[in-house]
Amino acid sequence: MGFALIYFYGDKATDVVPLLLFMLWQAHYFHRTFVFPFRIRVKPGQTTPASIPLMSVMTNSVIAFLNAAILSWSSIRADYDLSWLSDPRFILGIVVFAAGWHINRKADALLSALRKPGESGYKIPHGWLYERVSCPNYLGEITIWCGWAIATWSWAGLAFVFLTIANLVPRALQNHRWYQQQFSNYPRHRKAIIPFVL
């Protein structure tokens, strides 16, 4: 919501390229807000510390402002005229964004399908990228925002990539350690977030 308000406050909000980039951002966060939370099955009684959503709201507000403004405010935006649609940076960025979107959605779907209705225990995820890393959903999220940074070719997009990496890599490492501690049969060849590397 905040991203849209900031974006449409800009004088270039109805230009084609900024509008396409706006729709990419909104599609991701629409799914993250209105689809994903209703697909996950949480353990009965499981809670989330208040600090997690609070920090998320604070950091995302700043990042949303920067990324929305860079798209549509002519005073600070990049030059996103129609020729940007054929720019290799835009094309590569969209391809990387789409690859990240696919990785993220498929990983989330596999993870949410682990726990059947009425089940409350934890299981080891198997199949697809889960054979290589513990957190392909985080890998997908990072890939999405790398694509965004390339497609926008902006310091705001790059800042979001760094923030995403700083947030998700430690979480992936923590999740990976947790799996190893909880399951004695956890696959030893799996990495935390980057296949064969980390």
Protein backbone atom coordinates (compact mmCIF):
# COMPACT_ATOMS: atom_id res chain seq x y z
CA MET A 1 0.00 0.00 0.00
CA GLY A 2 2.76 2.41 0.96
CA PHE A 3 4.70 1.60 -2.22
CA ALA A 4 1.65 2.41 -4.35
CA LEU A 5 1.00 5.70 -2.57
CA ILE A 6 4.59 6.83 -2.99
CA TYR A 7 4.69 5.61 -6.58
CA PHE A 8 1.48 7.34 -7.68
CA TYR A 9 2.56 10.56 -6.01
CA GLY A 10 5.27 10.77 -8.69
CA ASP A 11 4.72 12.74 -11.87
CA LYS A 12 5.86 9.83 -14.12
CA ALA A 13 3.63 7.17 -12.56
CA THR A 14 1.64 6.56 -15.75
CA ASP A 15 4.70 6.08 -17.98
CA VAL A 16 4.82 2.55 -19.44
CA VAL A 17 8.16 1.29 -18.08
CA PRO A 18 7.72 2.55 -14.50
CA LEU A 19 4.20 1.12 -14.54
CA LEU A 20 5.48 -2.32 -15.61
CA LEU A 21 8.11 -2.26 -12.86
CA PHE A 22 5.45 -1.11 -10.38
CA MET A 23 3.30 -4.12 -11.33
CA LEU A 24 6.21 -6.52 -10.75
CA TRP A 25 6.75 -5.16 -7.25
CA GLN A 26 3.05 -5.23 -6.46
CA ALA A 27 2.60 -8.79 -7.79
CA HIS A 28 5.31 -10.04 -5.44
CA TYR A 29 3.92 -8.28 -2.39
CA PHE A 30 0.31 -9.14 -3.23
CA HIS A 31 1.31 -12.80 -3.16
CA ARG A 32 3.40 -12.33 -0.02
CA THR A 33 0.51 -10.57 1.79
CA PHE A 34 -2.69 -12.16 0.52
CA VAL A 35 -1.76 -15.64 -0.79
CA PHE A 36 1.27 -17.07 1.00
CA PRO A 37 0.07 -16.56 4.61
CA PHE A 38 -3.07 -18.59 3.91
CA ARG A 39 -1.14 -21.48 2.34
CA ILE A 40 1.26 -22.18 5.18
CA ARG A 41 0.32 -24.54 7.95
CA VAL A 42 1.71 -23.45 11.28
CA LYS A 43 2.21 -25.60 14.31
CA PRO A 44 -0.67 -25.11 16.78
CA GLY A 45 0.29 -22.50 19.35
CA GLN A 46 3.26 -21.29 17.28
CA THR A 47 3.87 -17.56 17.57
CA THR A 48 6.14 -15.04 15.90
CA PRO A 49 8.12 -12.56 18.01
CA ALA A 50 6.70 -9.03 17.61
CA SER A 51 10.16 -7.73 16.72
CA ILE A 52 10.17 -9.60 13.39
CA PRO A 53 7.13 -7.92 11.78
CA LEU A 54 8.03 -4.60 13.42
CA MET A 55 11.55 -4.61 11.93
CA SER A 56 10.09 -5.74 8.61
CA VAL A 57 7.62 -2.85 8.50
CA MET A 58 10.31 -0.31 9.38
CA THR A 59 12.91 -1.47 6.86
CA ASN A 60 10.37 -2.15 4.10
CA SER A 61 8.91 1.35 4.53
CA VAL A 62 12.28 2.93 3.77
CA ILE A 63 13.05 0.52 0.93
CA ALA A 64 9.54 0.93 -0.54
CA PHE A 65 9.90 4.69 -0.48
CA LEU A 66 13.29 4.61 -2.24
CA ASN A 67 12.23 2.09 -4.89
CA ALA A 68 8.85 3.68 -5.61
CA ALA A 69 10.33 7.17 -5.85
CA ILE A 70 13.16 6.09 -8.15
CA LEU A 71 10.55 4.79 -10.59
CA SER A 72 8.14 7.69 -10.83
CA TRP A 73 9.58 10.86 -9.33
CA SER A 74 11.26 12.75 -12.17
CA SER A 75 13.48 14.63 -9.69
CA ILE A 76 15.35 11.44 -8.69
CA ARG A 77 14.37 8.70 -11.10
CA ALA A 78 16.38 6.89 -13.70
CA ASP A 79 15.47 7.53 -17.34
CA TYR A 80 12.84 4.88 -17.98
CA ASP A 81 11.57 5.87 -21.41
CA LEU A 82 10.20 3.30 -23.87
CA SER A 83 13.69 2.42 -25.10
CA TRP A 84 14.34 0.88 -21.66
CA LEU A 85 12.10 -2.04 -22.70
CA SER A 86 14.76 -3.21 -25.16
CA ASP A 87 17.75 -2.42 -22.93
CA PRO A 88 19.70 -5.62 -22.07
CA ARG A 89 19.66 -4.64 -18.37
CA PHE A 90 15.87 -4.51 -18.34
CA ILE A 91 15.51 -7.79 -20.24
CA LEU A 92 18.08 -9.62 -18.09
CA GLY A 93 16.54 -8.18 -14.93
CA ILE A 94 13.07 -9.41 -15.88
CA VAL A 95 14.44 -12.89 -16.66
CA VAL A 96 16.28 -13.04 -13.31
CA PHE A 97 13.21 -11.69 -11.47
CA ALA A 98 11.01 -14.37 -13.12
CA ALA A 99 13.51 -17.12 -12.25
CA GLY A 100 13.54 -15.95 -8.61
CA TRP A 101 9.73 -15.78 -8.60
CA HIS A 102 9.55 -19.39 -9.81
CA ILE A 103 12.13 -20.62 -7.29
CA ASN A 104 10.45 -18.79 -4.42
CA ARG A 105 6.91 -19.92 -5.23
CA LYS A 106 7.83 -23.55 -5.87
CA ALA A 107 9.96 -23.76 -2.72
CA ASP A 108 7.15 -22.23 -0.65
CA ALA A 109 4.63 -24.65 -2.14
CA LEU A 110 6.79 -27.69 -1.36
CA LEU A 111 7.42 -26.45 2.17
CA SER A 112 3.76 -25.72 2.88
CA ALA A 113 2.76 -29.18 1.62
CA LEU A 114 5.02 -30.94 4.15
CA ARG A 115 2.57 -30.71 7.02
CA LYS A 116 -0.76 -32.39 6.34
CA PRO A 117 -3.95 -31.06 7.96
CA GLY A 118 -3.88 -31.90 11.65
CA GLU A 119 -0.14 -32.63 11.74
CA SER A 120 2.07 -30.60 14.05
CA GLY A 121 5.56 -32.09 13.71
CA TYR A 122 8.50 -31.02 11.59
CA LYS A 123 9.77 -32.89 8.55
CA ILE A 124 12.80 -32.74 6.27
CA PRO A 125 11.87 -31.16 2.94
CA HIS A 126 12.83 -33.25 -0.10
CA GLY A 127 12.74 -32.80 -3.85
CA TRP A 128 13.81 -30.19 -6.36
CA LEU A 129 16.17 -27.51 -4.92
CA TYR A 130 15.63 -28.89 -1.41
CA GLU A 131 18.06 -31.62 -2.44
CA ARG A 132 20.79 -28.96 -2.69
CA VAL A 133 19.92 -26.30 -0.09
CA SER A 134 17.90 -25.99 3.09
CA CYS A 135 16.29 -22.68 2.12
CA PRO A 136 15.56 -22.41 -1.61
CA ASN A 137 12.70 -20.05 -0.76
CA TYR A 138 15.26 -17.54 0.54
CA LEU A 139 17.45 -18.13 -2.52
CA GLY A 140 14.42 -17.33 -4.68
CA GLU A 141 13.71 -14.14 -2.74
CA ILE A 142 17.29 -12.93 -3.15
CA THR A 143 17.15 -13.80 -6.87
CA ILE A 144 13.93 -11.80 -7.26
CA TRP A 145 15.53 -8.67 -5.86
CA CYS A 146 18.74 -9.16 -7.85
CA GLY A 147 16.49 -9.17 -10.92
CA TRP A 148 14.76 -6.03 -9.69
CA ALA A 149 18.09 -4.27 -9.16
CA ILE A 150 19.23 -5.19 -12.68
CA ALA A 151 15.90 -4.25 -14.33
CA THR A 152 15.78 -0.86 -12.57
CA TRP A 153 19.57 -0.36 -12.70
CA SER A 154 19.22 1.82 -9.61
CA TRP A 155 20.98 2.41 -6.31
CA ALA A 156 17.61 1.85 -4.60
CA GLY A 157 17.33 -1.63 -6.12
CA LEU A 158 20.91 -2.42 -5.17
CA ALA A 159 20.26 -1.26 -1.61
CA PHE A 160 17.32 -3.65 -1.42
CA VAL A 161 19.48 -6.55 -2.62
CA PHE A 162 22.03 -5.87 0.11
CA LEU A 163 19.30 -5.57 2.75
CA THR A 164 17.68 -8.81 1.55
CA ILE A 165 20.99 -10.67 1.65
CA ALA A 166 21.79 -9.27 5.11
CA ASN A 167 18.40 -10.47 6.32
CA LEU A 168 18.03 -13.85 4.62
CA VAL A 169 21.52 -15.34 4.59
CA PRO A 170 21.81 -15.38 8.42
CA ARG A 171 18.28 -16.79 8.65
CA ALA A 172 19.16 -19.51 6.12
CA LEU A 173 22.29 -20.42 8.10
CA GLN A 174 20.25 -20.56 11.31
CA ASN A 175 17.55 -22.73 9.67
CA HIS A 176 20.22 -25.01 8.24
CA ARG A 177 21.83 -25.49 11.68
CA TRP A 178 18.40 -26.13 13.19
CA TYR A 179 17.66 -28.88 10.64
CA GLN A 180 21.05 -30.48 11.33
CA GLN A 181 20.42 -30.42 15.09
CA GLN A 182 16.85 -31.72 14.87
CA PHE A 183 17.39 -34.51 12.36
CA SER A 184 20.30 -36.93 12.67
CA ASN A 185 19.58 -38.12 9.12
CA TYR A 186 19.64 -34.64 7.60
CA PRO A 187 21.45 -34.81 4.23
CA ARG A 188 25.10 -33.85 4.80
CA HIS A 189 25.65 -32.60 1.24
CA ARG A 190 23.00 -29.87 1.55
CA LYS A 191 24.13 -26.29 1.91
CA ALA A 192 22.13 -23.54 3.58
CA ILE A 193 21.20 -21.26 0.69
CA ILE A 194 23.62 -21.40 -2.27
CA PRO A 195 24.09 -24.84 -3.88
CA PHE A 196 27.63 -26.24 -3.44
CA VAL A 197 28.83 -22.99 -1.81
CA LEU A 198 27.07 -21.78 1.36
